[in-house]
Amino acid sequence: MVRDKSNLPFEVTYAERPGTKSKTTSLKRLAVLLKPENVDSITSTLRELGLESTVYDVKGSGKEKERVSYGRGAGTADLAYTTRRVVATVVNSDNVNDIIDRMKKALGGGSGAVVMISAVDDLVRL
């Protein structure tokens, strides 16, 4: 097992190979799916808590349609997909509810953001 020297607010011990147990039994991965204009409020909230995050650009198709205008405002078109961002971070499972509450306050109401929570089984340092 390899001990991490980063300054995360929780202790992480990486395994040297997949399948060997690392100390991640109490970690959760939060992936927040949101509109591009809300990314700064979420990342600044995570930075205040001492957490790092990764931001992904994603496209999806669903109920909402995105409209774009073209030709000096002459017309509009519906796109086949919507553009969203995913802000992902790993947190201690004891802090999940507190972090989600802070994200709600940062976004305000009606943002349409979705938080996907999954367990972290293993960490391997490459």
N, C-alpha and C. Protein backbone atom coordinates (compact mmCIF):
# COMPACT_ATOMS: atom_id res chain seq x y z
N MET A 1 0.83 -1.18 0.00
CA MET A 1 0.00 0.00 0.00
C MET A 1 0.88 1.24 0.00
N VAL A 2 0.43 2.24 -0.71
CA VAL A 2 1.17 3.48 -0.87
C VAL A 2 0.36 4.60 -0.23
N ARG A 3 0.98 5.35 0.63
CA ARG A 3 0.31 6.46 1.30
C ARG A 3 0.44 7.71 0.43
N ASP A 4 -0.65 8.45 0.30
CA ASP A 4 -0.66 9.66 -0.53
C ASP A 4 -0.19 10.85 0.28
N LYS A 5 0.59 11.71 -0.34
CA LYS A 5 1.12 12.90 0.34
C LYS A 5 0.33 14.15 -0.02
N SER A 6 -0.84 14.01 -0.64
CA SER A 6 -1.64 15.19 -1.02
C SER A 6 -2.27 15.81 0.22
N ASN A 7 -2.89 16.95 0.04
CA ASN A 7 -3.48 17.67 1.16
C ASN A 7 -5.01 17.55 1.15
N LEU A 8 -5.53 16.37 0.89
CA LEU A 8 -6.97 16.16 0.91
C LEU A 8 -7.46 16.20 2.35
N PRO A 9 -8.73 16.55 2.58
CA PRO A 9 -9.22 16.63 3.95
C PRO A 9 -9.51 15.26 4.57
N PHE A 10 -9.14 14.19 3.90
CA PHE A 10 -9.30 12.86 4.46
C PHE A 10 -8.09 12.03 4.04
N GLU A 11 -7.88 10.93 4.75
CA GLU A 11 -6.71 10.10 4.49
C GLU A 11 -7.00 9.10 3.37
N VAL A 12 -6.05 8.97 2.44
CA VAL A 12 -6.19 8.05 1.33
C VAL A 12 -4.96 7.16 1.29
N THR A 13 -5.21 5.86 1.19
CA THR A 13 -4.13 4.92 0.99
C THR A 13 -4.41 4.17 -0.29
N TYR A 14 -3.50 4.24 -1.26
CA TYR A 14 -3.69 3.60 -2.55
C TYR A 14 -3.17 2.18 -2.50
N ALA A 15 -3.81 1.31 -3.28
CA ALA A 15 -3.31 -0.05 -3.44
C ALA A 15 -2.27 -0.04 -4.55
N GLU A 16 -1.39 -1.03 -4.53
CA GLU A 16 -0.38 -1.14 -5.59
C GLU A 16 -0.93 -1.88 -6.80
N ARG A 17 -1.98 -2.67 -6.61
CA ARG A 17 -2.63 -3.42 -7.68
C ARG A 17 -4.14 -3.41 -7.47
N PRO A 18 -4.88 -3.50 -8.55
CA PRO A 18 -6.34 -3.61 -8.38
C PRO A 18 -6.69 -4.90 -7.66
N GLY A 19 -7.69 -4.83 -6.82
CA GLY A 19 -8.15 -6.02 -6.11
C GLY A 19 -7.55 -6.13 -4.72
N THR A 20 -6.35 -5.62 -4.51
CA THR A 20 -5.82 -5.61 -3.15
C THR A 20 -6.50 -4.48 -2.41
N LYS A 21 -6.82 -4.70 -1.20
CA LYS A 21 -7.63 -3.74 -0.46
C LYS A 21 -6.86 -2.49 -0.10
N SER A 22 -7.42 -1.35 -0.48
CA SER A 22 -6.91 -0.06 -0.02
C SER A 22 -7.92 0.49 0.97
N LYS A 23 -7.55 1.50 1.69
CA LYS A 23 -8.44 2.07 2.71
C LYS A 23 -9.42 3.05 2.08
N THR A 24 -10.42 2.54 1.39
CA THR A 24 -11.42 3.39 0.75
C THR A 24 -12.83 3.01 1.13
N THR A 25 -12.99 2.30 2.22
CA THR A 25 -14.31 1.82 2.59
C THR A 25 -15.28 2.95 2.93
N SER A 26 -14.76 4.12 3.24
CA SER A 26 -15.65 5.20 3.63
C SER A 26 -15.62 6.37 2.64
N LEU A 27 -15.30 6.10 1.37
CA LEU A 27 -15.27 7.17 0.38
C LEU A 27 -16.43 7.05 -0.60
N LYS A 28 -16.94 8.19 -1.03
CA LYS A 28 -18.00 8.25 -2.04
C LYS A 28 -17.56 9.19 -3.15
N ARG A 29 -17.99 8.88 -4.37
CA ARG A 29 -17.74 9.75 -5.51
C ARG A 29 -19.02 10.49 -5.81
N LEU A 30 -18.94 11.83 -5.81
CA LEU A 30 -20.08 12.66 -6.16
C LEU A 30 -19.86 13.19 -7.57
N ALA A 31 -20.82 12.98 -8.44
CA ALA A 31 -20.79 13.52 -9.79
C ALA A 31 -22.03 14.38 -9.95
N VAL A 32 -21.82 15.67 -10.13
CA VAL A 32 -22.92 16.63 -10.22
C VAL A 32 -23.12 16.99 -11.68
N LEU A 33 -24.28 16.68 -12.24
CA LEU A 33 -24.64 16.99 -13.62
C LEU A 33 -25.41 18.30 -13.61
N LEU A 34 -24.86 19.34 -14.28
CA LEU A 34 -25.49 20.65 -14.22
C LEU A 34 -25.25 21.47 -15.48
N LYS A 35 -25.92 22.60 -15.55
CA LYS A 35 -25.79 23.50 -16.70
C LYS A 35 -24.44 24.22 -16.62
N PRO A 36 -23.87 24.58 -17.78
CA PRO A 36 -22.54 25.20 -17.79
C PRO A 36 -22.42 26.49 -16.96
N GLU A 37 -23.48 27.25 -16.86
CA GLU A 37 -23.40 28.51 -16.12
C GLU A 37 -23.33 28.31 -14.61
N ASN A 38 -23.60 27.10 -14.11
CA ASN A 38 -23.58 26.83 -12.67
C ASN A 38 -22.28 26.19 -12.18
N VAL A 39 -21.34 25.95 -13.08
CA VAL A 39 -20.12 25.23 -12.71
C VAL A 39 -19.29 26.01 -11.69
N ASP A 40 -19.15 27.31 -11.88
CA ASP A 40 -18.31 28.11 -10.99
C ASP A 40 -18.81 28.09 -9.55
N SER A 41 -20.11 28.13 -9.35
CA SER A 41 -20.64 28.12 -7.98
C SER A 41 -20.35 26.79 -7.29
N ILE A 42 -20.42 25.69 -8.01
CA ILE A 42 -20.15 24.38 -7.41
C ILE A 42 -18.66 24.21 -7.13
N THR A 43 -17.81 24.55 -8.10
CA THR A 43 -16.37 24.37 -7.89
C THR A 43 -15.85 25.28 -6.78
N SER A 44 -16.38 26.49 -6.66
CA SER A 44 -15.93 27.37 -5.58
C SER A 44 -16.39 26.84 -4.22
N THR A 45 -17.58 26.25 -4.16
CA THR A 45 -18.05 25.64 -2.91
C THR A 45 -17.16 24.48 -2.52
N LEU A 46 -16.78 23.64 -3.48
CA LEU A 46 -15.89 22.52 -3.17
C LEU A 46 -14.51 23.01 -2.73
N ARG A 47 -14.01 24.08 -3.36
CA ARG A 47 -12.70 24.63 -2.97
C ARG A 47 -12.74 25.17 -1.55
N GLU A 48 -13.85 25.78 -1.14
CA GLU A 48 -13.99 26.27 0.23
C GLU A 48 -13.91 25.13 1.24
N LEU A 49 -14.37 23.95 0.83
CA LEU A 49 -14.33 22.77 1.71
C LEU A 49 -13.00 22.04 1.64
N GLY A 50 -12.08 22.52 0.81
CA GLY A 50 -10.78 21.88 0.67
C GLY A 50 -10.79 20.68 -0.26
N LEU A 51 -11.78 20.60 -1.14
CA LEU A 51 -11.90 19.47 -2.06
C LEU A 51 -11.48 19.87 -3.47
N GLU A 52 -10.90 18.93 -4.17
CA GLU A 52 -10.55 19.13 -5.57
C GLU A 52 -11.65 18.52 -6.42
N SER A 53 -11.77 18.96 -7.67
CA SER A 53 -12.81 18.42 -8.54
C SER A 53 -12.30 18.33 -9.97
N THR A 54 -12.98 17.51 -10.74
CA THR A 54 -12.71 17.36 -12.16
C THR A 54 -13.99 17.73 -12.90
N VAL A 55 -13.85 18.53 -13.98
CA VAL A 55 -15.02 18.98 -14.74
C VAL A 55 -14.99 18.33 -16.11
N TYR A 56 -16.10 17.69 -16.49
CA TYR A 56 -16.24 17.05 -17.79
C TYR A 56 -17.29 17.78 -18.60
N ASP A 57 -17.08 17.90 -19.90
CA ASP A 57 -18.11 18.39 -20.82
C ASP A 57 -18.86 17.17 -21.35
N VAL A 58 -20.19 17.19 -21.25
CA VAL A 58 -20.98 16.04 -21.71
C VAL A 58 -22.12 16.54 -22.58
N LYS A 59 -22.63 15.65 -23.42
CA LYS A 59 -23.81 15.94 -24.24
C LYS A 59 -24.83 14.86 -23.95
N GLY A 60 -26.09 15.24 -23.99
CA GLY A 60 -27.14 14.28 -23.73
C GLY A 60 -28.40 14.64 -24.48
N SER A 61 -29.29 13.69 -24.56
CA SER A 61 -30.59 13.95 -25.16
C SER A 61 -31.64 13.54 -24.15
N GLY A 62 -32.60 14.41 -23.97
CA GLY A 62 -33.63 14.16 -22.98
C GLY A 62 -34.84 15.03 -23.26
N LYS A 63 -35.52 15.40 -22.20
CA LYS A 63 -36.74 16.19 -22.34
C LYS A 63 -36.46 17.62 -22.79
N GLU A 64 -35.37 18.20 -22.26
CA GLU A 64 -35.05 19.58 -22.60
C GLU A 64 -34.36 19.65 -23.96
N LYS A 65 -34.68 20.68 -24.70
CA LYS A 65 -34.01 20.93 -25.98
C LYS A 65 -33.29 22.27 -25.89
N GLU A 66 -32.13 22.35 -26.50
CA GLU A 66 -31.38 23.59 -26.51
C GLU A 66 -31.64 24.31 -27.82
N ARG A 67 -31.89 25.62 -27.75
CA ARG A 67 -32.17 26.42 -28.96
C ARG A 67 -30.98 27.32 -29.24
N VAL A 68 -30.62 27.42 -30.50
CA VAL A 68 -29.57 28.34 -30.93
C VAL A 68 -30.12 29.20 -32.05
N SER A 69 -29.64 30.44 -32.09
CA SER A 69 -30.06 31.32 -33.19
C SER A 69 -28.93 31.42 -34.20
N TYR A 70 -29.30 31.67 -35.43
CA TYR A 70 -28.31 31.76 -36.50
C TYR A 70 -28.70 32.88 -37.45
N GLY A 71 -27.75 33.31 -38.24
CA GLY A 71 -28.01 34.30 -39.29
C GLY A 71 -28.49 35.64 -38.79
N ARG A 72 -27.77 36.25 -37.86
CA ARG A 72 -28.11 37.56 -37.31
C ARG A 72 -29.52 37.58 -36.72
N GLY A 73 -29.89 36.52 -36.07
CA GLY A 73 -31.20 36.45 -35.45
C GLY A 73 -32.32 36.12 -36.38
N ALA A 74 -32.00 35.68 -37.60
CA ALA A 74 -33.04 35.39 -38.59
C ALA A 74 -33.83 34.14 -38.26
N GLY A 75 -33.24 33.22 -37.56
CA GLY A 75 -33.95 32.00 -37.24
C GLY A 75 -33.36 31.29 -36.03
N THR A 76 -34.08 30.30 -35.56
CA THR A 76 -33.60 29.49 -34.46
C THR A 76 -33.70 28.03 -34.84
N ALA A 77 -32.87 27.23 -34.21
CA ALA A 77 -32.89 25.79 -34.46
C ALA A 77 -32.79 25.05 -33.14
N ASP A 78 -33.46 23.91 -33.05
CA ASP A 78 -33.35 23.05 -31.88
C ASP A 78 -32.20 22.07 -32.11
N LEU A 79 -31.32 21.99 -31.13
CA LEU A 79 -30.22 21.03 -31.23
C LEU A 79 -30.71 19.64 -30.86
N ALA A 80 -30.04 18.63 -31.36
CA ALA A 80 -30.43 17.25 -31.06
C ALA A 80 -29.96 16.83 -29.67
N TYR A 81 -29.11 17.64 -29.03
CA TYR A 81 -28.57 17.29 -27.72
C TYR A 81 -28.50 18.55 -26.86
N THR A 82 -28.32 18.35 -25.58
CA THR A 82 -28.09 19.45 -24.66
C THR A 82 -26.67 19.34 -24.12
N THR A 83 -26.03 20.47 -23.89
CA THR A 83 -24.69 20.45 -23.33
C THR A 83 -24.78 20.66 -21.83
N ARG A 84 -24.08 19.84 -21.11
CA ARG A 84 -24.03 19.91 -19.65
C ARG A 84 -22.59 19.74 -19.20
N ARG A 85 -22.35 19.96 -17.91
CA ARG A 85 -21.05 19.72 -17.30
C ARG A 85 -21.25 18.73 -16.16
N VAL A 86 -20.23 17.92 -15.94
CA VAL A 86 -20.21 17.03 -14.78
C VAL A 86 -19.02 17.45 -13.93
N VAL A 87 -19.30 17.79 -12.67
CA VAL A 87 -18.25 18.10 -11.70
C VAL A 87 -18.15 16.91 -10.77
N ALA A 88 -16.99 16.24 -10.77
CA ALA A 88 -16.82 15.01 -9.99
C ALA A 88 -15.77 15.23 -8.91
N THR A 89 -16.03 14.64 -7.75
CA THR A 89 -15.10 14.69 -6.63
C THR A 89 -15.28 13.46 -5.76
N VAL A 90 -14.29 13.18 -4.94
CA VAL A 90 -14.36 12.07 -3.99
C VAL A 90 -14.37 12.65 -2.59
N VAL A 91 -15.33 12.21 -1.77
CA VAL A 91 -15.49 12.76 -0.43
C VAL A 91 -15.60 11.63 0.59
N ASN A 92 -15.41 11.99 1.83
CA ASN A 92 -15.62 11.05 2.92
C ASN A 92 -17.12 10.82 3.07
N SER A 93 -17.55 9.58 3.25
CA SER A 93 -18.98 9.29 3.27
C SER A 93 -19.71 9.95 4.44
N ASP A 94 -19.00 10.30 5.50
CA ASP A 94 -19.63 10.99 6.63
C ASP A 94 -20.04 12.42 6.26
N ASN A 95 -19.40 13.00 5.25
CA ASN A 95 -19.63 14.40 4.89
C ASN A 95 -20.56 14.58 3.69
N VAL A 96 -21.11 13.52 3.14
CA VAL A 96 -21.90 13.61 1.91
C VAL A 96 -23.11 14.53 2.08
N ASN A 97 -23.88 14.36 3.14
CA ASN A 97 -25.09 15.18 3.32
C ASN A 97 -24.75 16.66 3.49
N ASP A 98 -23.70 16.97 4.24
CA ASP A 98 -23.29 18.36 4.43
C ASP A 98 -22.85 18.99 3.12
N ILE A 99 -22.10 18.25 2.32
CA ILE A 99 -21.62 18.78 1.04
C ILE A 99 -22.77 19.02 0.08
N ILE A 100 -23.72 18.10 0.03
CA ILE A 100 -24.89 18.27 -0.84
C ILE A 100 -25.72 19.47 -0.40
N ASP A 101 -25.88 19.67 0.91
CA ASP A 101 -26.62 20.84 1.41
C ASP A 101 -25.93 22.14 0.99
N ARG A 102 -24.61 22.18 1.05
CA ARG A 102 -23.87 23.38 0.64
C ARG A 102 -24.00 23.62 -0.86
N MET A 103 -24.04 22.54 -1.65
CA MET A 103 -24.22 22.68 -3.09
C MET A 103 -25.61 23.25 -3.39
N LYS A 104 -26.63 22.79 -2.67
CA LYS A 104 -27.99 23.30 -2.86
C LYS A 104 -28.05 24.80 -2.59
N LYS A 105 -27.38 25.23 -1.49
CA LYS A 105 -27.37 26.66 -1.16
C LYS A 105 -26.65 27.47 -2.24
N ALA A 106 -25.56 26.91 -2.76
CA ALA A 106 -24.79 27.63 -3.78
C ALA A 106 -25.58 27.78 -5.08
N LEU A 107 -26.35 26.76 -5.44
CA LEU A 107 -27.10 26.79 -6.70
C LEU A 107 -28.42 27.55 -6.58
N GLY A 108 -28.98 27.59 -5.41
CA GLY A 108 -30.30 28.18 -5.26
C GLY A 108 -31.35 27.17 -5.71
N GLY A 109 -32.55 27.61 -5.94
CA GLY A 109 -33.62 26.69 -6.33
C GLY A 109 -33.81 26.59 -7.83
N GLY A 110 -34.32 25.47 -8.28
CA GLY A 110 -34.69 25.31 -9.67
C GLY A 110 -33.56 25.21 -10.66
N SER A 111 -32.39 24.76 -10.24
CA SER A 111 -31.26 24.69 -11.18
C SER A 111 -31.33 23.43 -12.04
N GLY A 112 -32.05 22.41 -11.59
CA GLY A 112 -32.15 21.17 -12.36
C GLY A 112 -30.91 20.29 -12.27
N ALA A 113 -30.00 20.59 -11.34
CA ALA A 113 -28.79 19.79 -11.19
C ALA A 113 -29.12 18.44 -10.56
N VAL A 114 -28.32 17.43 -10.91
CA VAL A 114 -28.50 16.08 -10.39
C VAL A 114 -27.17 15.63 -9.78
N VAL A 115 -27.22 15.04 -8.58
CA VAL A 115 -26.02 14.50 -7.94
C VAL A 115 -26.10 12.98 -7.99
N MET A 116 -25.07 12.38 -8.59
CA MET A 116 -24.98 10.92 -8.63
C MET A 116 -23.94 10.50 -7.60
N ILE A 117 -24.32 9.62 -6.68
CA ILE A 117 -23.44 9.20 -5.60
C ILE A 117 -23.11 7.73 -5.80
N SER A 118 -21.81 7.42 -5.79
CA SER A 118 -21.40 6.02 -5.93
C SER A 118 -20.27 5.73 -4.96
N ALA A 119 -20.17 4.48 -4.56
CA ALA A 119 -19.12 4.05 -3.64
C ALA A 119 -17.80 3.90 -4.38
N VAL A 120 -16.70 4.21 -3.71
CA VAL A 120 -15.37 4.02 -4.26
C VAL A 120 -14.84 2.72 -3.70
N ASP A 121 -14.66 1.72 -4.57
CA ASP A 121 -14.22 0.40 -4.12
C ASP A 121 -12.72 0.32 -3.90
N ASP A 122 -11.96 0.95 -4.80
CA ASP A 122 -10.53 0.78 -4.75
C ASP A 122 -9.85 1.96 -5.42
N LEU A 123 -8.67 2.32 -4.95
CA LEU A 123 -7.85 3.36 -5.55
C LEU A 123 -6.49 2.77 -5.86
N VAL A 124 -6.01 2.96 -7.08
CA VAL A 124 -4.69 2.46 -7.49
C VAL A 124 -3.90 3.63 -8.05
N ARG A 125 -2.72 3.87 -7.50
CA ARG A 125 -1.83 4.93 -8.00
C ARG A 125 -1.00 4.37 -9.13
N LEU A 126 -1.02 5.03 -10.28
CA LEU A 126 -0.25 4.59 -11.44
C LEU A 126 1.06 5.32 -11.53
